[in-house]
């Protein structure tokens, strides 16, 4: 992030803001398995097609997913696989933090 102009920092912040929504993370996890259309994603996620479509539109706008029309359906796929490296890094960090917290609670319970 060194030496990035303010406009670039705004784009970085917007990118992370897109990733801050659990529904979008769920959609990204399903797209990890391969491309899907809105109906498939809605069924897998348990959300309405309109809700999934709204999230996909935002993720497409920010370059996380790519859209391809085929007949009457639009199919979505990951636009840049590096998103998974980023998510795996963050998820691993969160997992380690949760593990430390659990161990701390267990040690506290034993002491009490």
C-alpha atoms as a PDB file:
ATOM      1  CA  UNK A   1       0.000   0.000   0.000  1.00  0.00           C
ATOM      2  CA  UNK A   2       3.031   2.220   0.122  1.00  0.00           C
ATOM      3  CA  UNK A   3       2.935   5.247  -2.139  1.00  0.00           C
ATOM      4  CA  UNK A   4      -0.570   4.570  -3.423  1.00  0.00           C
ATOM      5  CA  UNK A   5      -2.480   7.704  -4.327  1.00  0.00           C
ATOM      6  CA  UNK A   6      -5.693   8.441  -2.401  1.00  0.00           C
ATOM      7  CA  UNK A   7      -7.831   7.287  -5.352  1.00  0.00           C
ATOM      8  CA  UNK A   8      -6.172   3.872  -5.287  1.00  0.00           C
ATOM      9  CA  UNK A   9      -6.645   3.592  -1.532  1.00  0.00           C
ATOM     10  CA  UNK A  10     -10.347   4.273  -2.024  1.00  0.00           C
ATOM     11  CA  UNK A  11     -10.494   1.392  -4.526  1.00  0.00           C
ATOM     12  CA  UNK A  12      -8.686  -0.914  -2.098  1.00  0.00           C
ATOM     13  CA  UNK A  13     -11.136   0.018   0.652  1.00  0.00           C
ATOM     14  CA  UNK A  14     -14.100  -0.593  -1.674  1.00  0.00           C
ATOM     15  CA  UNK A  15     -12.688  -4.014  -2.613  1.00  0.00           C
ATOM     16  CA  UNK A  16     -12.416  -5.028   1.046  1.00  0.00           C
ATOM     17  CA  UNK A  17     -15.878  -3.619   1.716  1.00  0.00           C
ATOM     18  CA  UNK A  18     -17.280  -5.995  -0.917  1.00  0.00           C
ATOM     19  CA  UNK A  19     -15.632  -8.870   0.950  1.00  0.00           C
ATOM     20  CA  UNK A  20     -17.074  -7.739   4.289  1.00  0.00           C
ATOM     21  CA  UNK A  21     -20.514  -9.242   3.616  1.00  0.00           C
ATOM     22  CA  UNK A  22     -21.047 -12.888   4.696  1.00  0.00           C
ATOM     23  CA  UNK A  23     -23.513 -13.537   1.864  1.00  0.00           C
ATOM     24  CA  UNK A  24     -20.902 -12.575  -0.713  1.00  0.00           C
ATOM     25  CA  UNK A  25     -18.313 -14.802   0.976  1.00  0.00           C
ATOM     26  CA  UNK A  26     -20.803 -17.678   0.807  1.00  0.00           C
ATOM     27  CA  UNK A  27     -21.324 -17.049  -2.905  1.00  0.00           C
ATOM     28  CA  UNK A  28     -17.568 -16.936  -3.498  1.00  0.00           C
ATOM     29  CA  UNK A  29     -17.193 -20.271  -1.722  1.00  0.00           C
ATOM     30  CA  UNK A  30     -19.726 -21.874  -4.051  1.00  0.00           C
ATOM     31  CA  UNK A  31     -18.026 -20.328  -7.086  1.00  0.00           C
ATOM     32  CA  UNK A  32     -14.791 -21.952  -5.934  1.00  0.00           C
ATOM     33  CA  UNK A  33     -16.346 -25.228  -7.166  1.00  0.00           C
ATOM     34  CA  UNK A  34     -16.973 -23.781 -10.647  1.00  0.00           C
ATOM     35  CA  UNK A  35     -19.212 -21.415 -12.514  1.00  0.00           C
ATOM     36  CA  UNK A  36     -22.897 -21.208 -11.664  1.00  0.00           C
ATOM     37  CA  UNK A  37     -25.966 -19.225 -12.627  1.00  0.00           C
ATOM     38  CA  UNK A  38     -28.026 -17.084 -10.255  1.00  0.00           C
ATOM     39  CA  UNK A  39     -30.682 -19.756  -9.723  1.00  0.00           C
ATOM     40  CA  UNK A  40     -28.114 -22.386  -8.778  1.00  0.00           C
ATOM     41  CA  UNK A  41     -26.376 -20.032  -6.375  1.00  0.00           C
ATOM     42  CA  UNK A  42     -29.663 -18.948  -4.810  1.00  0.00           C
ATOM     43  CA  UNK A  43     -30.642 -22.562  -4.201  1.00  0.00           C
ATOM     44  CA  UNK A  44     -27.232 -23.463  -2.766  1.00  0.00           C
ATOM     45  CA  UNK A  45     -27.068 -20.393  -0.529  1.00  0.00           C
ATOM     46  CA  UNK A  46     -30.693 -20.446   0.582  1.00  0.00           C
ATOM     47  CA  UNK A  47     -31.263 -16.851  -0.534  1.00  0.00           C
ATOM     48  CA  UNK A  48     -33.602 -15.383  -3.115  1.00  0.00           C
ATOM     49  CA  UNK A  49     -32.400 -15.069  -6.696  1.00  0.00           C
ATOM     50  CA  UNK A  50     -32.900 -11.294  -6.459  1.00  0.00           C
ATOM     51  CA  UNK A  51     -30.657 -11.101  -3.391  1.00  0.00           C
ATOM     52  CA  UNK A  52     -27.939 -13.236  -4.983  1.00  0.00           C
ATOM     53  CA  UNK A  53     -28.172 -11.234  -8.204  1.00  0.00           C
ATOM     54  CA  UNK A  54     -27.687  -7.975  -6.302  1.00  0.00           C
ATOM     55  CA  UNK A  55     -24.547  -9.334  -4.619  1.00  0.00           C
ATOM     56  CA  UNK A  56     -23.195 -10.718  -7.900  1.00  0.00           C
ATOM     57  CA  UNK A  57     -23.701  -7.356  -9.599  1.00  0.00           C
ATOM     58  CA  UNK A  58     -21.602  -5.654  -6.935  1.00  0.00           C
ATOM     59  CA  UNK A  59     -18.901  -8.331  -7.081  1.00  0.00           C
ATOM     60  CA  UNK A  60     -18.799  -8.045 -10.878  1.00  0.00           C
ATOM     61  CA  UNK A  61     -18.458  -4.258 -10.632  1.00  0.00           C
ATOM     62  CA  UNK A  62     -15.415  -4.666  -8.381  1.00  0.00           C
ATOM     63  CA  UNK A  63     -13.796  -7.371 -10.505  1.00  0.00           C
ATOM     64  CA  UNK A  64     -14.218 -10.327  -8.152  1.00  0.00           C
ATOM     65  CA  UNK A  65     -16.475 -12.299 -10.478  1.00  0.00           C
ATOM     66  CA  UNK A  66     -16.993 -12.367 -14.229  1.00  0.00           C
ATOM     67  CA  UNK A  67     -20.371 -12.721 -15.936  1.00  0.00           C
ATOM     68  CA  UNK A  68     -21.087 -14.567 -19.169  1.00  0.00           C
ATOM     69  CA  UNK A  69     -24.498 -14.669 -20.828  1.00  0.00           C
ATOM     70  CA  UNK A  70     -25.650 -17.931 -22.377  1.00  0.00           C
ATOM     71  CA  UNK A  71     -29.137 -17.977 -23.790  1.00  0.00           C
ATOM     72  CA  UNK A  72     -31.509 -16.782 -21.081  1.00  0.00           C
ATOM     73  CA  UNK A  73     -29.045 -17.339 -18.243  1.00  0.00           C
ATOM     74  CA  UNK A  74     -26.009 -15.530 -16.943  1.00  0.00           C
ATOM     75  CA  UNK A  75     -23.192 -17.610 -15.527  1.00  0.00           C
ATOM     76  CA  UNK A  76     -20.747 -16.322 -12.978  1.00  0.00           C
ATOM     77  CA  UNK A  77     -17.217 -17.421 -12.234  1.00  0.00           C
ATOM     78  CA  UNK A  78     -14.287 -16.101 -10.256  1.00  0.00           C
ATOM     79  CA  UNK A  79     -12.520 -13.387 -12.238  1.00  0.00           C
ATOM     80  CA  UNK A  80      -9.235 -13.642 -10.355  1.00  0.00           C
ATOM     81  CA  UNK A  81      -8.227 -16.748  -8.399  1.00  0.00           C
ATOM     82  CA  UNK A  82      -6.030 -14.640  -6.108  1.00  0.00           C
ATOM     83  CA  UNK A  83      -9.211 -13.818  -4.180  1.00  0.00           C
ATOM     84  CA  UNK A  84      -8.974 -17.307  -2.676  1.00  0.00           C
ATOM     85  CA  UNK A  85      -5.394 -16.776  -1.536  1.00  0.00           C
ATOM     86  CA  UNK A  86      -6.540 -13.609   0.225  1.00  0.00           C
ATOM     87  CA  UNK A  87      -9.584 -15.297   1.783  1.00  0.00           C
ATOM     88  CA  UNK A  88      -7.558 -18.337   2.855  1.00  0.00           C
ATOM     89  CA  UNK A  89      -4.981 -16.074   4.498  1.00  0.00           C
ATOM     90  CA  UNK A  90      -7.625 -14.160   6.435  1.00  0.00           C
ATOM     91  CA  UNK A  91      -9.627 -17.299   7.319  1.00  0.00           C
ATOM     92  CA  UNK A  92      -6.485 -19.012   8.585  1.00  0.00           C
ATOM     93  CA  UNK A  93      -5.696 -16.009  10.757  1.00  0.00           C
ATOM     94  CA  UNK A  94      -9.237 -15.914  12.164  1.00  0.00           C
ATOM     95  CA  UNK A  95      -9.113 -19.656  12.841  1.00  0.00           C
ATOM     96  CA  UNK A  96      -5.851 -19.301  14.787  1.00  0.00           C
ATOM     97  CA  UNK A  97      -7.292 -16.400  16.792  1.00  0.00           C
ATOM     98  CA  UNK A  98     -10.392 -18.423  17.661  1.00  0.00           C
ATOM     99  CA  UNK A  99      -8.237 -21.378  18.686  1.00  0.00           C
ATOM    100  CA  UNK A 100      -6.149 -19.169  21.009  1.00  0.00           C
ATOM    101  CA  UNK A 101      -9.306 -17.687  22.522  1.00  0.00           C
ATOM    102  CA  UNK A 102     -10.756 -21.153  23.125  1.00  0.00           C
ATOM    103  CA  UNK A 103      -7.548 -22.305  24.811  1.00  0.00           C
ATOM    104  CA  UNK A 104      -7.508 -19.179  26.985  1.00  0.00           C
ATOM    105  CA  UNK A 105     -11.109 -19.763  28.062  1.00  0.00           C
ATOM    106  CA  UNK A 106     -10.384 -23.400  28.870  1.00  0.00           C
ATOM    107  CA  UNK A 107      -7.324 -22.444  30.942  1.00  0.00           C
ATOM    108  CA  UNK A 108      -9.367 -19.800  32.776  1.00  0.00           C
ATOM    109  CA  UNK A 109     -12.154 -22.311  33.495  1.00  0.00           C
ATOM    110  CA  UNK A 110      -9.654 -24.813  34.896  1.00  0.00           C
ATOM    111  CA  UNK A 111      -8.063 -22.156  37.100  1.00  0.00           C
ATOM    112  CA  UNK A 112     -11.431 -21.095  38.504  1.00  0.00           C
END
